[in-house]
Amino acid sequence: MFTAVCILLDKEAKKELNSTTGKREEDWITPTKAILAEMGFLAKLQNFEKDAIDSKKIDKIQPYITHENFTITHLKSINQVASSLCAWALAMDKYYRVSLVVKPKKAALAIAEKEYAELEANLNEKKENLRIVLERVATLQAKLKSAQD
């Protein structure tokens, strides 16, 4: 569970040699302890730059967040902090997936708003030209009326 939080916060696992198997294994305990010991840990989570999450991080946390025990309900029965961190990691995953849909729409909206602003400026220019022409017509009509009188 803490592994997903470490990955999202750009903490790398220590690669250590397992004396039993003789293979290098990832040690997430050391970075987890370092993160939890930081004074600004909660503020770091609250001010986390959600838009900076990339697909590599999301792919790396998938084995952890899709685990059957990685649920808020399950972890709440074990530890409140763990369930809160689980909720945060799941929320970051959901935010990333929603942003994949929303980002193109925001880009399209920005383009449409720019086009609208250009068209609105053009329309205002045309309205001003029309107002000037209507003033001339009114002046000419006034002159015509005075000439006819």
N, C-alpha and C. Protein backbone atom coordinates (compact mmCIF):
# COMPACT_ATOMS: atom_id res chain seq x y z
N MET A 1 0.83 -1.18 0.00
CA MET A 1 0.00 0.00 0.00
C MET A 1 0.87 1.25 0.00
N PHE A 2 1.87 1.25 0.87
CA PHE A 2 2.78 2.40 0.91
C PHE A 2 3.61 2.46 -0.37
N THR A 3 3.77 1.34 -1.03
CA THR A 3 4.54 1.30 -2.27
C THR A 3 3.89 2.20 -3.31
N ALA A 4 2.58 2.15 -3.43
CA ALA A 4 1.88 3.00 -4.40
C ALA A 4 2.09 4.47 -4.08
N VAL A 5 2.06 4.82 -2.81
CA VAL A 5 2.29 6.21 -2.40
C VAL A 5 3.72 6.61 -2.73
N CYS A 6 4.68 5.72 -2.45
CA CYS A 6 6.09 6.02 -2.77
C CYS A 6 6.28 6.24 -4.27
N ILE A 7 5.67 5.41 -5.07
CA ILE A 7 5.81 5.55 -6.53
C ILE A 7 5.22 6.88 -6.99
N LEU A 8 4.05 7.24 -6.49
CA LEU A 8 3.43 8.49 -6.89
C LEU A 8 4.24 9.71 -6.44
N LEU A 9 4.96 9.57 -5.31
CA LEU A 9 5.78 10.67 -4.80
C LEU A 9 7.22 10.62 -5.33
N ASP A 10 7.45 9.81 -6.36
CA ASP A 10 8.76 9.70 -7.02
C ASP A 10 9.87 9.17 -6.11
N LYS A 11 9.52 8.32 -5.20
CA LYS A 11 10.53 7.67 -4.37
C LYS A 11 10.86 6.32 -4.99
N GLU A 12 12.13 6.02 -5.07
CA GLU A 12 12.57 4.76 -5.66
C GLU A 12 12.86 3.73 -4.58
N ALA A 13 12.62 2.49 -4.92
CA ALA A 13 12.93 1.41 -3.98
C ALA A 13 14.43 1.17 -3.97
N LYS A 14 14.91 0.73 -2.82
CA LYS A 14 16.32 0.34 -2.74
C LYS A 14 16.43 -1.07 -3.30
N LYS A 15 17.42 -1.28 -4.13
CA LYS A 15 17.66 -2.62 -4.68
C LYS A 15 18.68 -3.29 -3.77
N GLU A 16 18.25 -4.34 -3.09
CA GLU A 16 19.13 -5.04 -2.17
C GLU A 16 19.20 -6.51 -2.53
N LEU A 17 20.33 -7.10 -2.22
CA LEU A 17 20.55 -8.51 -2.49
C LEU A 17 19.89 -9.34 -1.38
N ASN A 18 19.03 -10.24 -1.78
CA ASN A 18 18.38 -11.14 -0.83
C ASN A 18 19.35 -12.28 -0.55
N SER A 19 19.73 -12.41 0.70
CA SER A 19 20.72 -13.43 1.05
C SER A 19 20.18 -14.86 0.86
N THR A 20 18.87 -15.01 0.94
CA THR A 20 18.27 -16.33 0.79
C THR A 20 18.22 -16.77 -0.67
N THR A 21 17.72 -15.90 -1.53
CA THR A 21 17.55 -16.25 -2.94
C THR A 21 18.77 -15.87 -3.78
N GLY A 22 19.56 -14.94 -3.31
CA GLY A 22 20.72 -14.48 -4.08
C GLY A 22 20.35 -13.53 -5.20
N LYS A 23 19.11 -13.05 -5.22
CA LYS A 23 18.65 -12.12 -6.26
C LYS A 23 18.45 -10.74 -5.67
N ARG A 24 18.52 -9.75 -6.56
CA ARG A 24 18.26 -8.37 -6.14
C ARG A 24 16.75 -8.18 -6.06
N GLU A 25 16.31 -7.61 -4.94
CA GLU A 25 14.89 -7.36 -4.73
C GLU A 25 14.69 -5.91 -4.33
N GLU A 26 13.51 -5.42 -4.62
CA GLU A 26 13.18 -4.04 -4.26
C GLU A 26 12.81 -3.97 -2.79
N ASP A 27 13.40 -3.00 -2.11
CA ASP A 27 13.08 -2.76 -0.70
C ASP A 27 12.33 -1.44 -0.62
N TRP A 28 11.02 -1.52 -0.34
CA TRP A 28 10.19 -0.32 -0.24
C TRP A 28 10.07 0.16 1.19
N ILE A 29 10.57 -0.59 2.14
CA ILE A 29 10.45 -0.21 3.55
C ILE A 29 11.26 1.05 3.85
N THR A 30 12.48 1.10 3.33
CA THR A 30 13.35 2.26 3.61
C THR A 30 12.76 3.56 3.06
N PRO A 31 12.34 3.61 1.78
CA PRO A 31 11.75 4.87 1.30
C PRO A 31 10.43 5.20 2.00
N THR A 32 9.67 4.18 2.38
CA THR A 32 8.42 4.41 3.09
C THR A 32 8.68 5.07 4.44
N LYS A 33 9.66 4.55 5.16
CA LYS A 33 10.00 5.14 6.46
C LYS A 33 10.48 6.58 6.29
N ALA A 34 11.25 6.82 5.22
CA ALA A 34 11.76 8.18 4.98
C ALA A 34 10.62 9.14 4.69
N ILE A 35 9.66 8.70 3.90
CA ILE A 35 8.51 9.55 3.57
C ILE A 35 7.69 9.85 4.82
N LEU A 36 7.40 8.82 5.59
CA LEU A 36 6.57 9.00 6.78
C LEU A 36 7.26 9.85 7.84
N ALA A 37 8.59 9.88 7.81
CA ALA A 37 9.34 10.66 8.80
C ALA A 37 9.44 12.13 8.42
N GLU A 38 9.11 12.47 7.18
CA GLU A 38 9.19 13.86 6.74
C GLU A 38 8.16 14.70 7.49
N MET A 39 8.58 15.90 7.87
CA MET A 39 7.68 16.80 8.60
C MET A 39 6.50 17.24 7.73
N GLY A 40 6.73 17.47 6.46
CA GLY A 40 5.68 17.99 5.59
C GLY A 40 4.99 16.92 4.79
N PHE A 41 4.93 15.70 5.29
CA PHE A 41 4.33 14.60 4.53
C PHE A 41 2.88 14.86 4.17
N LEU A 42 2.09 15.27 5.13
CA LEU A 42 0.67 15.53 4.87
C LEU A 42 0.50 16.67 3.88
N ALA A 43 1.30 17.73 4.06
CA ALA A 43 1.22 18.86 3.13
C ALA A 43 1.64 18.43 1.73
N LYS A 44 2.60 17.53 1.65
CA LYS A 44 3.05 17.03 0.34
C LYS A 44 1.91 16.30 -0.37
N LEU A 45 1.14 15.53 0.40
CA LEU A 45 0.00 14.83 -0.20
C LEU A 45 -1.10 15.81 -0.60
N GLN A 46 -1.34 16.80 0.25
CA GLN A 46 -2.40 17.77 -0.03
C GLN A 46 -2.05 18.64 -1.23
N ASN A 47 -0.78 18.97 -1.40
CA ASN A 47 -0.36 19.86 -2.48
C ASN A 47 0.24 19.10 -3.66
N PHE A 48 -0.03 17.82 -3.72
CA PHE A 48 0.52 16.98 -4.78
C PHE A 48 0.07 17.49 -6.15
N GLU A 49 0.99 17.58 -7.08
CA GLU A 49 0.67 18.07 -8.43
C GLU A 49 0.06 16.91 -9.23
N LYS A 50 -1.25 16.84 -9.20
CA LYS A 50 -1.97 15.74 -9.84
C LYS A 50 -1.77 15.71 -11.35
N ASP A 51 -1.61 16.87 -11.94
CA ASP A 51 -1.48 16.92 -13.39
C ASP A 51 -0.11 16.43 -13.87
N ALA A 52 0.82 16.24 -12.95
CA ALA A 52 2.15 15.76 -13.31
C ALA A 52 2.24 14.24 -13.31
N ILE A 53 1.16 13.57 -12.97
CA ILE A 53 1.17 12.10 -12.98
C ILE A 53 1.26 11.63 -14.43
N ASP A 54 2.19 10.72 -14.68
CA ASP A 54 2.32 10.20 -16.03
C ASP A 54 1.93 8.73 -16.08
N SER A 55 1.84 8.21 -17.28
CA SER A 55 1.38 6.84 -17.46
C SER A 55 2.34 5.82 -16.85
N LYS A 56 3.62 6.16 -16.78
CA LYS A 56 4.59 5.22 -16.19
C LYS A 56 4.27 4.98 -14.72
N LYS A 57 3.97 6.06 -13.99
CA LYS A 57 3.63 5.91 -12.57
C LYS A 57 2.35 5.09 -12.41
N ILE A 58 1.37 5.39 -13.23
CA ILE A 58 0.09 4.69 -13.15
C ILE A 58 0.29 3.21 -13.44
N ASP A 59 1.10 2.91 -14.45
CA ASP A 59 1.37 1.51 -14.77
C ASP A 59 2.10 0.81 -13.63
N LYS A 60 3.01 1.53 -12.97
CA LYS A 60 3.76 0.93 -11.86
C LYS A 60 2.90 0.65 -10.64
N ILE A 61 1.87 1.48 -10.41
CA ILE A 61 1.05 1.26 -9.21
C ILE A 61 -0.11 0.28 -9.45
N GLN A 62 -0.36 -0.09 -10.69
CA GLN A 62 -1.49 -0.98 -10.98
C GLN A 62 -1.46 -2.29 -10.20
N PRO A 63 -0.31 -2.98 -10.09
CA PRO A 63 -0.34 -4.24 -9.32
C PRO A 63 -0.73 -4.03 -7.86
N TYR A 64 -0.45 -2.86 -7.33
CA TYR A 64 -0.76 -2.60 -5.92
C TYR A 64 -2.21 -2.18 -5.74
N ILE A 65 -2.69 -1.27 -6.59
CA ILE A 65 -4.05 -0.77 -6.38
C ILE A 65 -5.13 -1.73 -6.87
N THR A 66 -4.74 -2.72 -7.67
CA THR A 66 -5.72 -3.71 -8.12
C THR A 66 -5.71 -4.95 -7.23
N HIS A 67 -4.84 -4.96 -6.23
CA HIS A 67 -4.80 -6.09 -5.30
C HIS A 67 -6.11 -6.16 -4.53
N GLU A 68 -6.57 -7.36 -4.25
CA GLU A 68 -7.88 -7.53 -3.61
C GLU A 68 -7.95 -6.90 -2.21
N ASN A 69 -6.83 -6.77 -1.53
CA ASN A 69 -6.83 -6.18 -0.19
C ASN A 69 -6.59 -4.67 -0.21
N PHE A 70 -6.39 -4.11 -1.38
CA PHE A 70 -6.14 -2.67 -1.49
C PHE A 70 -7.47 -1.95 -1.64
N THR A 71 -8.25 -2.00 -0.58
CA THR A 71 -9.54 -1.30 -0.55
C THR A 71 -9.60 -0.48 0.73
N ILE A 72 -10.32 0.58 0.66
CA ILE A 72 -10.46 1.45 1.83
C ILE A 72 -11.12 0.70 2.98
N THR A 73 -12.13 -0.08 2.67
CA THR A 73 -12.86 -0.82 3.70
C THR A 73 -11.96 -1.83 4.40
N HIS A 74 -11.21 -2.58 3.62
CA HIS A 74 -10.33 -3.59 4.20
C HIS A 74 -9.25 -2.95 5.08
N LEU A 75 -8.64 -1.90 4.56
CA LEU A 75 -7.56 -1.26 5.29
C LEU A 75 -8.06 -0.46 6.49
N LYS A 76 -9.31 0.00 6.44
CA LYS A 76 -9.87 0.73 7.57
C LYS A 76 -9.98 -0.18 8.80
N SER A 77 -10.24 -1.44 8.56
CA SER A 77 -10.33 -2.39 9.68
C SER A 77 -8.95 -2.68 10.27
N ILE A 78 -7.90 -2.40 9.51
CA ILE A 78 -6.54 -2.64 10.00
C ILE A 78 -5.92 -1.37 10.58
N ASN A 79 -6.00 -0.27 9.79
CA ASN A 79 -5.33 0.96 10.22
C ASN A 79 -5.98 2.13 9.49
N GLN A 80 -6.37 3.15 10.22
CA GLN A 80 -7.03 4.33 9.64
C GLN A 80 -6.10 5.08 8.69
N VAL A 81 -4.82 5.21 9.07
CA VAL A 81 -3.86 5.92 8.22
C VAL A 81 -3.68 5.17 6.91
N ALA A 82 -3.57 3.86 6.99
CA ALA A 82 -3.41 3.05 5.78
C ALA A 82 -4.62 3.21 4.86
N SER A 83 -5.81 3.23 5.44
CA SER A 83 -7.01 3.39 4.59
C SER A 83 -7.05 4.78 3.95
N SER A 84 -6.57 5.78 4.67
CA SER A 84 -6.54 7.14 4.10
C SER A 84 -5.52 7.23 2.97
N LEU A 85 -4.38 6.61 3.14
CA LEU A 85 -3.37 6.61 2.07
C LEU A 85 -3.85 5.79 0.88
N CYS A 86 -4.58 4.73 1.16
CA CYS A 86 -5.19 3.93 0.09
C CYS A 86 -6.17 4.79 -0.70
N ALA A 87 -7.00 5.53 0.01
CA ALA A 87 -7.97 6.41 -0.65
C ALA A 87 -7.27 7.45 -1.50
N TRP A 88 -6.15 7.99 -1.00
CA TRP A 88 -5.39 8.99 -1.75
C TRP A 88 -4.82 8.38 -3.03
N ALA A 89 -4.21 7.20 -2.93
CA ALA A 89 -3.62 6.55 -4.10
C ALA A 89 -4.71 6.21 -5.13
N LEU A 90 -5.83 5.71 -4.66
CA LEU A 90 -6.94 5.39 -5.58
C LEU A 90 -7.48 6.66 -6.24
N ALA A 91 -7.53 7.75 -5.48
CA ALA A 91 -8.01 9.02 -6.03
C ALA A 91 -7.06 9.54 -7.09
N MET A 92 -5.76 9.39 -6.89
CA MET A 92 -4.78 9.84 -7.88
C MET A 92 -4.90 9.02 -9.17
N ASP A 93 -5.13 7.73 -9.02
CA ASP A 93 -5.33 6.86 -10.19
C ASP A 93 -6.58 7.29 -10.94
N LYS A 94 -7.65 7.52 -10.21
CA LYS A 94 -8.92 7.94 -10.84
C LYS A 94 -8.77 9.31 -11.51
N TYR A 95 -8.08 10.23 -10.83
CA TYR A 95 -7.86 11.56 -11.40
C TYR A 95 -7.11 11.45 -12.73
N TYR A 96 -6.09 10.60 -12.76
CA TYR A 96 -5.32 10.43 -14.00
C TYR A 96 -6.23 9.91 -15.11
N ARG A 97 -7.04 8.92 -14.81
CA ARG A 97 -7.91 8.33 -15.84
C ARG A 97 -8.96 9.33 -16.32
N VAL A 98 -9.50 10.12 -15.42
CA VAL A 98 -10.48 11.14 -15.82
C VAL A 98 -9.80 12.24 -16.63
N SER A 99 -8.58 12.59 -16.24
CA SER A 99 -7.88 13.65 -16.97
C SER A 99 -7.57 13.25 -18.40
N LEU A 100 -7.43 11.95 -18.66
CA LEU A 100 -7.21 11.50 -20.04
C LEU A 100 -8.40 11.87 -20.93
N VAL A 101 -9.58 11.90 -20.35
CA VAL A 101 -10.79 12.26 -21.10
C VAL A 101 -10.95 13.79 -21.13
N VAL A 102 -10.63 14.43 -20.02
CA VAL A 102 -10.90 15.86 -19.88
C VAL A 102 -9.87 16.74 -20.60
N LYS A 103 -8.60 16.35 -20.58
CA LYS A 103 -7.55 17.19 -21.18
C LYS A 103 -7.81 17.52 -22.65
N PRO A 104 -8.15 16.54 -23.49
CA PRO A 104 -8.45 16.90 -24.88
C PRO A 104 -9.65 17.83 -25.01
N LYS A 105 -10.62 17.66 -24.13
CA LYS A 105 -11.80 18.51 -24.17
C LYS A 105 -11.45 19.93 -23.73
N LYS A 106 -10.56 20.06 -22.74
CA LYS A 106 -10.11 21.39 -22.32
C LYS A 106 -9.33 22.07 -23.44
N ALA A 107 -8.51 21.30 -24.15
CA ALA A 107 -7.75 21.87 -25.26
C ALA A 107 -8.70 22.33 -26.36
N ALA A 108 -9.70 21.52 -26.66
CA ALA A 108 -10.68 21.91 -27.67
C ALA A 108 -11.46 23.14 -27.22
N LEU A 109 -11.79 23.22 -25.94
CA LEU A 109 -12.49 24.38 -25.40
C LEU A 109 -11.63 25.64 -25.54
N ALA A 110 -10.35 25.53 -25.25
CA ALA A 110 -9.46 26.69 -25.37
C ALA A 110 -9.40 27.18 -26.80
N ILE A 111 -9.34 26.25 -27.74
CA ILE A 111 -9.32 26.63 -29.17
C ILE A 111 -10.64 27.30 -29.55
N ALA A 112 -11.75 26.72 -29.10
CA ALA A 112 -13.07 27.28 -29.41
C ALA A 112 -13.24 28.67 -28.80
N GLU A 113 -12.76 28.85 -27.57
CA GLU A 113 -12.85 30.16 -26.92
C GLU A 113 -12.01 31.20 -27.66
N LYS A 114 -10.85 30.78 -28.15
CA LYS A 114 -10.00 31.70 -28.91
C LYS A 114 -10.70 32.11 -30.21
N GLU A 115 -11.27 31.13 -30.91
CA GLU A 115 -12.00 31.43 -32.14
C GLU A 115 -13.19 32.33 -31.84
N TYR A 116 -13.90 32.06 -30.75
CA TYR A 116 -15.04 32.88 -30.37
C TYR A 116 -14.61 34.31 -30.10
N ALA A 117 -13.51 34.49 -29.40
CA ALA A 117 -13.02 35.83 -29.09
C ALA A 117 -12.68 36.59 -30.37
N GLU A 118 -12.06 35.89 -31.34
CA GLU A 118 -11.73 36.52 -32.62
C GLU A 118 -13.00 36.91 -33.37
N LEU A 119 -13.97 36.00 -33.40
CA LEU A 119 -15.23 36.29 -34.09
C LEU A 119 -16.00 37.41 -33.41
N GLU A 120 -15.96 37.42 -32.07
CA GLU A 120 -16.64 38.48 -31.31
C GLU A 120 -16.00 39.83 -31.60
N ALA A 121 -14.68 39.87 -31.68
CA ALA A 121 -13.99 41.12 -32.01
C ALA A 121 -14.35 41.58 -33.41
N ASN A 122 -14.41 40.64 -34.34
CA ASN A 122 -14.79 40.96 -35.72
C ASN A 122 -16.23 41.48 -35.77
N LEU A 123 -17.13 40.83 -35.02
CA LEU A 123 -18.53 41.27 -34.97
C LEU A 123 -18.63 42.67 -34.39
N ASN A 124 -17.90 42.95 -33.32
CA ASN A 124 -17.94 44.29 -32.72
C ASN A 124 -17.43 45.34 -33.70
N GLU A 125 -16.42 44.99 -34.48
CA GLU A 125 -15.91 45.92 -35.50
C GLU A 125 -16.98 46.19 -36.55
N LYS A 126 -17.68 45.14 -36.97
CA LYS A 126 -18.74 45.30 -37.97
C LYS A 126 -19.91 46.12 -37.40
N LYS A 127 -20.23 45.90 -36.14
CA LYS A 127 -21.30 46.67 -35.49
C LYS A 127 -20.93 48.16 -35.44
N GLU A 128 -19.67 48.44 -35.14
CA GLU A 128 -19.22 49.84 -35.10
C GLU A 128 -19.31 50.47 -36.49
N ASN A 129 -18.91 49.71 -37.52
CA ASN A 129 -19.02 50.22 -38.89
C ASN A 129 -20.49 50.47 -39.25
N LEU A 130 -21.37 49.56 -38.84
CA LEU A 130 -22.80 49.72 -39.10
C LEU A 130 -23.34 50.97 -38.39
N ARG A 131 -22.91 51.18 -37.15
CA ARG A 131 -23.36 52.36 -36.40
C ARG A 131 -22.95 53.64 -37.11
N ILE A 132 -21.71 53.67 -37.62
CA ILE A 132 -21.22 54.86 -38.34
C ILE A 132 -22.06 55.09 -39.60
N VAL A 133 -22.34 54.01 -40.33
CA VAL A 133 -23.15 54.13 -41.56
C VAL A 133 -24.56 54.61 -41.22
N LEU A 134 -25.15 54.06 -40.15
CA LEU A 134 -26.49 54.48 -39.77
C LEU A 134 -26.54 55.95 -39.34
N GLU A 135 -25.47 56.41 -38.69
CA GLU A 135 -25.38 57.83 -38.34
C GLU A 135 -25.34 58.69 -39.60
N ARG A 136 -24.56 58.25 -40.59
CA ARG A 136 -24.50 59.00 -41.87
C ARG A 136 -25.87 59.03 -42.54
N VAL A 137 -26.54 57.88 -42.53
CA VAL A 137 -27.88 57.80 -43.14
C VAL A 137 -28.82 58.74 -42.41
N ALA A 138 -28.77 58.75 -41.09
CA ALA A 138 -29.64 59.63 -40.31
C ALA A 138 -29.33 61.09 -40.62
N THR A 139 -28.04 61.42 -40.76
CA THR A 139 -27.65 62.80 -41.09
C THR A 139 -28.18 63.17 -42.47
N LEU A 140 -28.01 62.26 -43.42
CA LEU A 140 -28.49 62.53 -44.78
C LEU A 140 -30.01 62.65 -44.82
N GLN A 141 -30.70 61.81 -44.04
CA GLN A 141 -32.17 61.90 -43.99
C GLN A 141 -32.60 63.24 -43.38
N ALA A 142 -31.87 63.68 -42.38
CA ALA A 142 -32.18 64.97 -41.76
C ALA A 142 -31.97 66.09 -42.76
N LYS A 143 -30.88 66.02 -43.54
CA LYS A 143 -30.60 67.04 -44.56
C LYS A 143 -31.68 67.01 -45.64
N LEU A 144 -32.07 65.79 -46.03
CA LEU A 144 -33.12 65.65 -47.06
C LEU A 144 -34.43 66.25 -46.56
N LYS A 145 -34.76 65.99 -45.33
CA LYS A 145 -36.02 66.51 -44.79
C LYS A 145 -35.98 68.01 -44.72
N SER A 146 -34.83 68.56 -44.28
CA SER A 146 -34.74 70.03 -44.19
C SER A 146 -34.77 70.64 -45.59
N ALA A 147 -34.19 69.98 -46.56
CA ALA A 147 -34.20 70.48 -47.94
C ALA A 147 -35.62 70.42 -48.51
N GLN A 148 -36.35 69.35 -48.19
CA GLN A 148 -37.71 69.22 -48.69
C GLN A 148 -38.63 70.23 -48.03
N ASP A 149 -38.37 70.57 -46.77
CA ASP A 149 -39.22 71.53 -46.06
C ASP A 149 -38.96 72.90 -46.62
